[in-house]
Amino acid sequence: MACLSIRARSVLFRGLVSLAASGCARAPNPYLDWLPVTDEDEQVPGEVDSVDASADASVELEDAMSVVDAKVDAAMQCAAIRDKAPVAQGVDVIFVVDSSGTMLHAVGQVQANIADFVSEFAAAGKDVRVVMISALDPAGRSPVASDREKYMFIQANVLGGRLYSTAIDQFESYQSFLRPTAAVEFVMVTSSNDTMSPSAFQTAMEALLGGRDFTQHAIASPDVNGLPCISESQAWNPLCAFPIPAICAALQVGRAYNSLAEQTGGEQLSVCKDDWGDVFATLKKSVIDAVPLPCNFLLPTPDKKKIDPDKVSMFYTSGSEPDQQFPRAQDARQCQDKLGWYYDDPYAPTTVKLCPAACEAVSAGGSVDIAFGCAPPMIL
């Protein structure tokens, strides 16, 4: 009866154990490679004394069953801690535009380019949202301004030198517009420097974003031999040999904004350009490069607990087909043409990236789950 009981359990757990009822001898089964093998296993049932065989089988089966139970418990525990892999969404871009009187030309250039900037992302199939914080809406009456899914205008008197504090003070106004898994990029447009230090703004904003980092771009004055840049339209003017702020040049070198742009990998663009077509083209390329690929998945943390990166498994389900487990690659180079996945950073992972072949398979539809507590098979 013990043998039959174990056989019933083996059916329940998809054949982890398959024992023949006759004499309880083990039938050949690839799932039994991990079970303890003894000399008695190789004996023919008819050649063994029935009493001794029954006693030996009872002990052996109890040992085997303890191994089965351990493996089943581990498998069930792994399956119980399972979460949908959230798809990394697009990019949320927040413009903070200086409203000072010295910014008339810059505001005009933002107005001339912002509508195309937003609409071209949609035309390119890129998921980008834009928040505009300024005294006046540069999108005006363009179709972009009425697209509440992609564009949000927040009216605020943005003083020169106060762009960082404005972005912080207005955060509650645009917080709900930001997506929790989207990349975040700030664009600071000003002819001044900020009174807040870059590190103070970075610390405060990352806290507001729930610990997420961000990229900051600067459309400000570069350092021209210790002086602010001269407007291209005034370069011919002999009065501008020594830059006169608000007439010939920016008010101040945008040191804070340029510094944080360098630290976060953002663009450093000149506010003194006459035609900002190139400025927005550079900015657009940078934003597009930041759009996550559709086959990147943020690594969820179950119940806010710390996970072991070496015990994370990925399962793909397509329609009514059973789960398919993708093996893990050490890096992108190991993928080649195989189905699999790898971490963005193997030492401090935040994102699971699918290999090209797996990405193609997933693009056909279905769902991706991440299981915790299970060591995945590896691509060799």
Protein backbone atom coordinates (compact mmCIF):
# COMPACT_ATOMS: atom_id res chain seq x y z
CA MET A 1 0.00 0.00 0.00
CA ALA A 2 2.87 2.34 0.73
CA CYS A 3 4.10 1.91 -2.83
CA LEU A 4 0.68 2.63 -4.32
CA SER A 5 0.31 5.67 -2.10
CA ILE A 6 3.61 7.07 -3.32
CA ARG A 7 2.68 6.33 -6.90
CA ALA A 8 -0.53 8.31 -6.45
CA ARG A 9 1.40 11.24 -5.09
CA SER A 10 3.83 11.02 -7.96
CA VAL A 11 0.97 11.48 -10.41
CA LEU A 12 -0.20 14.48 -8.44
CA PHE A 13 3.22 16.10 -8.68
CA ARG A 14 3.68 15.49 -12.44
CA GLY A 15 5.75 12.37 -12.26
CA LEU A 16 8.52 13.40 -9.91
CA VAL A 17 8.44 9.82 -8.71
CA SER A 18 7.36 6.83 -10.76
CA LEU A 19 7.55 3.51 -8.95
CA ALA A 20 6.29 0.20 -10.31
CA ALA A 21 3.61 -1.38 -8.14
CA SER A 22 5.04 -4.86 -8.65
CA GLY A 23 7.54 -5.37 -5.83
CA CYS A 24 7.95 -1.57 -5.63
CA ALA A 25 10.98 -1.81 -7.90
CA ARG A 26 11.83 1.44 -9.62
CA ALA A 27 10.90 1.74 -13.29
CA PRO A 28 13.27 3.63 -15.61
CA ASN A 29 12.37 7.32 -15.43
CA PRO A 30 14.48 10.36 -16.20
CA TYR A 31 12.86 12.26 -13.34
CA LEU A 32 14.47 9.86 -10.84
CA ASP A 33 18.09 10.81 -11.51
CA TRP A 34 18.26 12.60 -8.19
CA LEU A 35 16.75 9.70 -6.15
CA PRO A 36 19.10 7.52 -4.07
CA VAL A 37 20.07 4.39 -6.00
CA THR A 38 20.96 1.15 -4.20
CA ASP A 39 21.93 -2.31 -5.35
CA GLU A 40 18.41 -3.50 -4.62
CA ASP A 41 17.10 -1.12 -7.28
CA GLU A 42 18.76 -3.20 -9.98
CA GLN A 43 17.29 -6.51 -8.82
CA VAL A 44 14.48 -8.24 -10.70
CA PRO A 45 11.35 -8.29 -8.49
CA GLY A 46 10.88 -12.09 -8.78
CA GLU A 47 14.40 -12.85 -7.52
CA VAL A 48 14.02 -11.09 -4.17
CA ASP A 49 12.55 -12.64 -1.05
CA SER A 50 9.13 -11.04 -0.71
CA VAL A 51 9.41 -10.31 3.04
CA ASP A 52 12.91 -8.80 2.82
CA ALA A 53 12.00 -6.90 -0.32
CA SER A 54 8.95 -5.45 1.38
CA ALA A 55 10.97 -4.31 4.41
CA ASP A 56 13.81 -2.91 2.32
CA ALA A 57 11.39 -1.20 -0.02
CA SER A 58 9.58 0.41 2.89
CA VAL A 59 12.80 1.97 4.22
CA GLU A 60 13.98 3.01 0.76
CA LEU A 61 10.62 4.49 -0.15
CA GLU A 62 10.47 6.48 3.07
CA ASP A 63 13.91 7.93 2.25
CA ALA A 64 12.87 8.64 -1.31
CA MET A 65 9.64 10.22 -0.14
CA SER A 66 11.49 12.64 2.14
CA VAL A 67 13.52 13.78 -0.87
CA VAL A 68 10.33 14.13 -2.92
CA ASP A 69 8.64 16.12 -0.17
CA ALA A 70 11.59 18.48 0.09
CA LYS A 71 11.63 19.07 -3.64
CA VAL A 72 7.87 19.46 -3.85
CA ASP A 73 7.89 21.91 -0.94
CA ALA A 74 10.61 23.94 -2.64
CA ALA A 75 8.74 23.92 -5.94
CA MET A 76 5.48 24.95 -4.29
CA GLN A 77 7.22 27.69 -2.31
CA CYS A 78 8.80 29.04 -5.50
CA ALA A 79 5.48 29.00 -7.33
CA ALA A 80 3.77 30.75 -4.45
CA ILE A 81 6.13 33.75 -4.59
CA ARG A 82 5.41 34.76 -8.14
CA ASP A 83 4.67 38.14 -9.62
CA LYS A 84 3.76 39.61 -12.97
CA ALA A 85 6.75 41.35 -14.49
CA PRO A 86 5.81 45.00 -14.96
CA VAL A 87 6.73 46.22 -18.41
CA ALA A 88 9.05 49.20 -18.27
CA GLN A 89 7.05 52.08 -19.70
CA GLY A 90 8.27 55.05 -21.74
CA VAL A 91 9.75 58.38 -20.69
CA ASP A 92 8.18 61.22 -18.71
CA VAL A 93 9.82 64.57 -19.55
CA ILE A 94 9.37 67.60 -17.28
CA PHE A 95 10.24 71.03 -18.71
CA VAL A 96 10.86 73.84 -16.23
CA VAL A 97 11.08 77.12 -18.16
CA ASP A 98 12.40 80.34 -16.63
CA SER A 99 9.71 83.02 -16.92
CA SER A 100 12.00 86.02 -16.37
CA GLY A 101 11.87 88.95 -18.77
CA THR A 102 15.34 88.06 -20.03
CA MET A 103 13.95 84.78 -21.37
CA LEU A 104 11.67 86.17 -24.08
CA HIS A 105 13.78 84.76 -26.91
CA ALA A 106 14.15 81.37 -25.20
CA VAL A 107 10.43 81.13 -24.45
CA GLY A 108 9.71 81.94 -28.10
CA GLN A 109 12.01 79.12 -29.20
CA VAL A 110 10.33 76.65 -26.83
CA GLN A 111 6.99 77.74 -28.26
CA ALA A 112 8.23 77.24 -31.82
CA ASN A 113 9.46 73.72 -31.17
CA ILE A 114 7.48 72.09 -28.36
CA ALA A 115 4.48 70.99 -30.46
CA ASP A 116 6.67 69.12 -32.94
CA PHE A 117 8.79 67.78 -30.11
CA VAL A 118 5.77 66.07 -28.52
CA SER A 119 3.95 64.98 -31.67
CA GLU A 120 7.02 63.43 -33.32
CA PHE A 121 7.35 60.92 -30.49
CA ALA A 122 3.87 59.61 -31.16
CA ALA A 123 4.58 59.46 -34.88
CA ALA A 124 7.71 57.42 -34.15
CA GLY A 125 5.78 55.05 -31.89
CA LYS A 126 7.62 56.21 -28.76
CA ASP A 127 5.75 56.42 -25.47
CA VAL A 128 6.68 59.88 -24.18
CA ARG A 129 4.73 62.21 -21.90
CA VAL A 130 5.60 65.87 -21.37
CA VAL A 131 4.96 68.12 -18.38
CA MET A 132 5.44 71.86 -19.02
CA ILE A 133 5.98 74.15 -16.01
CA SER A 134 5.98 77.77 -17.15
CA ALA A 135 4.12 81.07 -16.84
CA LEU A 136 2.52 80.62 -20.26
CA ASP A 137 1.77 77.44 -22.17
CA PRO A 138 4.16 77.35 -25.14
CA ALA A 139 2.03 74.65 -26.80
CA GLY A 140 -0.73 77.25 -26.99
CA ARG A 141 -3.69 76.14 -29.08
CA SER A 142 -1.86 73.39 -30.90
CA PRO A 143 -3.36 69.87 -30.87
CA VAL A 144 -0.64 68.86 -28.45
CA ALA A 145 -2.03 71.13 -25.73
CA SER A 146 -5.36 69.30 -25.79
CA ASP A 147 -3.83 65.82 -25.62
CA ARG A 148 -4.33 65.12 -21.92
CA GLU A 149 -2.75 61.69 -22.21
CA LYS A 150 0.58 63.01 -23.45
CA TYR A 151 0.84 66.64 -22.34
CA MET A 152 0.26 68.50 -19.07
CA PHE A 153 0.69 72.24 -18.58
CA ILE A 154 1.25 73.65 -15.08
CA GLN A 155 1.11 77.41 -14.82
CA ALA A 156 3.74 78.78 -12.46
CA ASN A 157 5.82 81.93 -12.21
CA VAL A 158 9.24 80.34 -12.58
CA LEU A 159 11.83 82.82 -11.35
CA GLY A 160 15.43 82.77 -12.54
CA GLY A 161 17.60 80.89 -10.07
CA ARG A 162 14.57 79.04 -8.70
CA LEU A 163 13.97 76.26 -11.23
CA TYR A 164 14.98 73.49 -8.84
CA SER A 165 12.73 74.69 -6.02
CA THR A 166 9.86 75.18 -8.49
CA ALA A 167 10.16 71.58 -9.71
CA ILE A 168 10.03 70.42 -6.08
CA ASP A 169 7.22 72.75 -5.01
CA GLN A 170 5.05 71.79 -7.99
CA PHE A 171 5.66 68.05 -7.68
CA GLU A 172 2.21 67.27 -6.28
CA SER A 173 0.68 68.97 -9.33
CA TYR A 174 2.29 66.56 -11.79
CA GLN A 175 2.95 63.50 -9.63
CA SER A 176 -0.16 61.67 -10.82
CA PHE A 177 0.85 62.25 -14.44
CA LEU A 178 4.14 60.39 -13.96
CA ARG A 179 4.16 56.65 -14.46
CA PRO A 180 5.82 54.51 -11.78
CA THR A 181 7.89 52.48 -14.26
CA ALA A 182 8.74 55.24 -16.76
CA ALA A 183 12.15 56.88 -17.06
CA VAL A 184 12.11 60.47 -15.77
CA GLU A 185 13.92 63.36 -17.46
CA PHE A 186 13.99 67.02 -16.48
CA VAL A 187 14.78 69.85 -18.91
CA MET A 188 15.85 73.08 -17.21
CA VAL A 189 15.55 76.11 -19.53
CA THR A 190 17.10 79.30 -18.13
CA SER A 191 19.62 82.08 -18.60
CA SER A 192 20.57 82.02 -14.90
CA ASN A 193 22.18 79.73 -12.36
CA ASP A 194 20.24 78.09 -9.54
CA THR A 195 20.42 79.06 -5.90
CA MET A 196 19.97 75.41 -4.85
CA SER A 197 22.88 73.03 -5.17
CA PRO A 198 22.61 70.20 -7.70
CA SER A 199 23.14 67.58 -4.99
CA ALA A 200 20.35 69.03 -2.82
CA PHE A 201 17.92 68.98 -5.73
CA GLN A 202 18.93 65.46 -6.73
CA THR A 203 18.45 64.13 -3.19
CA ALA A 204 15.07 65.85 -2.75
CA MET A 205 13.71 64.84 -6.15
CA GLU A 206 14.81 61.20 -5.90
CA ALA A 207 13.00 61.04 -2.56
CA LEU A 208 9.83 62.44 -4.16
CA LEU A 209 10.18 59.89 -6.97
CA GLY A 210 10.27 57.06 -4.46
CA GLY A 211 13.98 56.39 -4.81
CA ARG A 212 14.06 56.39 -8.62
CA ASP A 213 16.88 58.22 -10.32
CA PHE A 214 16.41 60.67 -13.19
CA THR A 215 18.24 62.43 -15.97
CA GLN A 216 18.51 66.21 -16.10
CA HIS A 217 19.17 68.16 -19.30
CA ALA A 218 20.33 71.79 -19.26
CA ILE A 219 19.42 74.47 -21.78
CA ALA A 220 21.46 77.14 -20.08
CA SER A 221 24.61 79.16 -20.51
CA PRO A 222 27.90 77.35 -20.93
CA ASP A 223 31.01 78.73 -19.29
CA VAL A 224 32.76 80.97 -21.83
CA ASN A 225 36.05 81.86 -20.19
CA GLY A 226 34.27 82.44 -16.92
CA LEU A 227 31.48 84.50 -18.54
CA PRO A 228 27.97 83.65 -19.74
CA CYS A 229 27.44 82.95 -23.45
CA ILE A 230 26.65 85.70 -25.96
CA SER A 231 23.46 85.43 -27.99
CA GLU A 232 24.19 84.46 -31.57
CA SER A 233 21.98 87.28 -32.80
CA GLN A 234 24.17 89.80 -30.97
CA ALA A 235 27.54 88.40 -31.90
CA TRP A 236 28.03 91.16 -34.51
CA ASN A 237 27.25 93.94 -32.02
CA PRO A 238 30.41 95.78 -30.89
CA LEU A 239 28.63 96.66 -27.66
CA CYS A 240 28.68 92.96 -26.84
CA ALA A 241 32.45 92.69 -26.79
CA PHE A 242 31.86 92.73 -23.05
CA PRO A 243 28.56 90.86 -22.66
CA ILE A 244 25.72 92.93 -21.24
CA PRO A 245 23.23 90.61 -19.50
CA ALA A 246 19.70 90.61 -20.93
CA ILE A 247 20.89 92.41 -24.06
CA CYS A 248 23.88 90.47 -25.32
CA ALA A 249 24.11 87.41 -23.19
CA ALA A 250 22.67 85.11 -20.57
CA LEU A 251 22.57 86.46 -17.06
CA GLN A 252 24.79 83.81 -15.52
CA VAL A 253 26.66 80.65 -16.38
CA GLY A 254 24.30 77.76 -15.60
CA ARG A 255 26.84 75.93 -13.49
CA ALA A 256 24.37 74.03 -11.32
CA TYR A 257 22.32 72.79 -14.27
CA ASN A 258 25.35 71.88 -16.37
CA SER A 259 26.91 70.07 -13.44
CA LEU A 260 23.85 67.92 -12.77
CA ALA A 261 23.43 67.25 -16.50
CA GLU A 262 26.95 65.86 -16.55
CA GLN A 263 26.35 63.75 -13.44
CA THR A 264 23.10 62.24 -14.70
CA GLY A 265 24.12 61.76 -18.33
CA GLY A 266 21.96 64.60 -19.67
CA GLU A 267 22.56 67.04 -22.51
CA GLN A 268 24.25 70.41 -21.99
CA LEU A 269 22.75 72.75 -24.58
CA SER A 270 23.28 76.48 -25.04
CA VAL A 271 20.48 78.93 -24.30
CA CYS A 272 22.23 81.45 -26.56
CA LYS A 273 21.35 79.66 -29.80
CA ASP A 274 19.20 81.66 -32.19
CA ASP A 275 17.51 78.67 -33.79
CA TRP A 276 16.61 75.91 -31.37
CA GLY A 277 15.79 73.36 -34.05
CA ASP A 278 19.12 71.64 -33.40
CA VAL A 279 18.65 72.01 -29.64
CA PHE A 280 15.35 70.14 -29.72
CA ALA A 281 16.68 67.59 -32.22
CA THR A 282 19.50 66.70 -29.82
CA LEU A 283 17.08 66.61 -26.92
CA LYS A 284 14.64 64.41 -28.83
CA LYS A 285 17.36 61.89 -29.69
CA SER A 286 18.42 61.69 -26.06
CA VAL A 287 14.84 61.10 -24.92
CA ILE A 288 14.25 58.44 -27.58
CA ASP A 289 17.41 56.65 -26.48
CA ALA A 290 15.99 56.58 -22.95
CA VAL A 291 12.73 54.89 -23.99
CA PRO A 292 12.87 51.36 -22.53
CA LEU A 293 12.70 48.50 -24.98
CA PRO A 294 9.41 46.55 -24.86
CA CYS A 295 11.33 43.45 -23.80
CA ASN A 296 12.76 45.03 -20.67
CA PHE A 297 11.00 44.24 -17.40
CA LEU A 298 11.53 45.95 -14.08
CA LEU A 299 12.50 43.52 -11.35
CA PRO A 300 9.62 43.52 -8.83
CA THR A 301 10.32 43.02 -5.16
CA PRO A 302 7.70 40.80 -3.46
CA ASP A 303 6.27 42.49 -0.37
CA LYS A 304 9.18 44.96 -0.38
CA LYS A 305 11.56 42.18 0.65
CA LYS A 306 15.12 41.90 -0.54
CA ILE A 307 15.51 39.22 -3.17
CA ASP A 308 18.38 36.95 -4.08
CA PRO A 309 19.26 37.74 -7.74
CA ASP A 310 20.59 34.21 -8.15
CA LYS A 311 17.17 32.78 -7.30
CA VAL A 312 14.98 34.52 -9.84
CA SER A 313 13.26 32.63 -12.65
CA MET A 314 11.28 33.85 -15.63
CA PHE A 315 8.26 32.05 -17.08
CA TYR A 316 6.45 32.84 -20.31
CA THR A 317 2.84 31.81 -20.93
CA SER A 318 1.32 31.97 -24.39
CA GLY A 319 -2.42 31.39 -24.63
CA SER A 320 -3.39 27.92 -23.43
CA GLU A 321 0.17 26.58 -23.69
CA PRO A 322 1.92 25.54 -20.44
CA ASP A 323 4.53 27.77 -18.84
CA GLN A 324 7.85 27.95 -20.64
CA GLN A 325 10.82 28.74 -18.43
CA PHE A 326 13.50 30.93 -19.98
CA PRO A 327 17.06 30.15 -18.87
CA ARG A 328 19.35 32.93 -17.70
CA ALA A 329 22.36 34.18 -19.65
CA GLN A 330 25.32 35.81 -17.97
CA ASP A 331 25.12 38.79 -20.33
CA ALA A 332 23.80 39.86 -23.72
CA ARG A 333 26.72 38.28 -25.58
CA GLN A 334 25.80 34.83 -24.29
CA CYS A 335 22.27 35.08 -25.70
CA GLN A 336 23.18 34.46 -29.35
CA ASP A 337 20.05 32.91 -30.92
CA LYS A 338 18.79 31.23 -27.73
CA LEU A 339 15.65 31.89 -25.71
CA GLY A 340 16.70 33.43 -22.42
CA TRP A 341 17.20 36.54 -20.32
CA TYR A 342 19.89 38.46 -18.46
CA TYR A 343 20.23 41.30 -15.94
CA ASP A 344 21.04 44.91 -16.79
CA ASP A 345 23.63 44.73 -14.00
CA PRO A 346 24.48 41.26 -12.64
CA TYR A 347 25.74 42.73 -9.35
CA ALA A 348 22.93 45.21 -8.66
CA PRO A 349 20.10 44.24 -11.01
CA THR A 350 16.99 46.38 -11.48
CA THR A 351 15.83 45.18 -14.89
CA VAL A 352 15.39 41.81 -16.58
CA LYS A 353 16.22 41.96 -20.27
CA LEU A 354 15.09 39.32 -22.74
CA CYS A 355 17.48 37.91 -25.30
CA PRO A 356 16.53 38.79 -28.90
CA ALA A 357 15.01 35.36 -29.62
CA ALA A 358 12.94 35.48 -26.42
CA CYS A 359 11.90 39.05 -27.17
CA GLU A 360 10.62 37.96 -30.55
CA ALA A 361 8.70 35.08 -28.97
CA VAL A 362 7.10 37.30 -26.32
CA SER A 363 6.11 39.93 -28.88
CA ALA A 364 3.61 37.41 -30.26
CA GLY A 365 1.54 37.88 -27.09
CA GLY A 366 1.10 36.19 -23.74
CA SER A 367 2.35 37.08 -20.27
CA VAL A 368 5.64 37.03 -18.41
CA ASP A 369 5.94 36.06 -14.75
CA ILE A 370 8.91 36.30 -12.44
CA ALA A 371 9.27 33.67 -9.68
CA PHE A 372 11.39 34.16 -6.58
CA GLY A 373 13.27 31.58 -4.57
CA CYS A 374 14.11 29.35 -7.55
CA ALA A 375 17.55 29.11 -9.11
CA PRO A 376 17.01 29.32 -12.89
CA PRO A 377 18.59 27.06 -15.48
CA MET A 378 21.56 28.75 -17.12
CA ILE A 379 22.50 29.13 -20.76
CA LEU A 380 25.79 27.30 -21.22
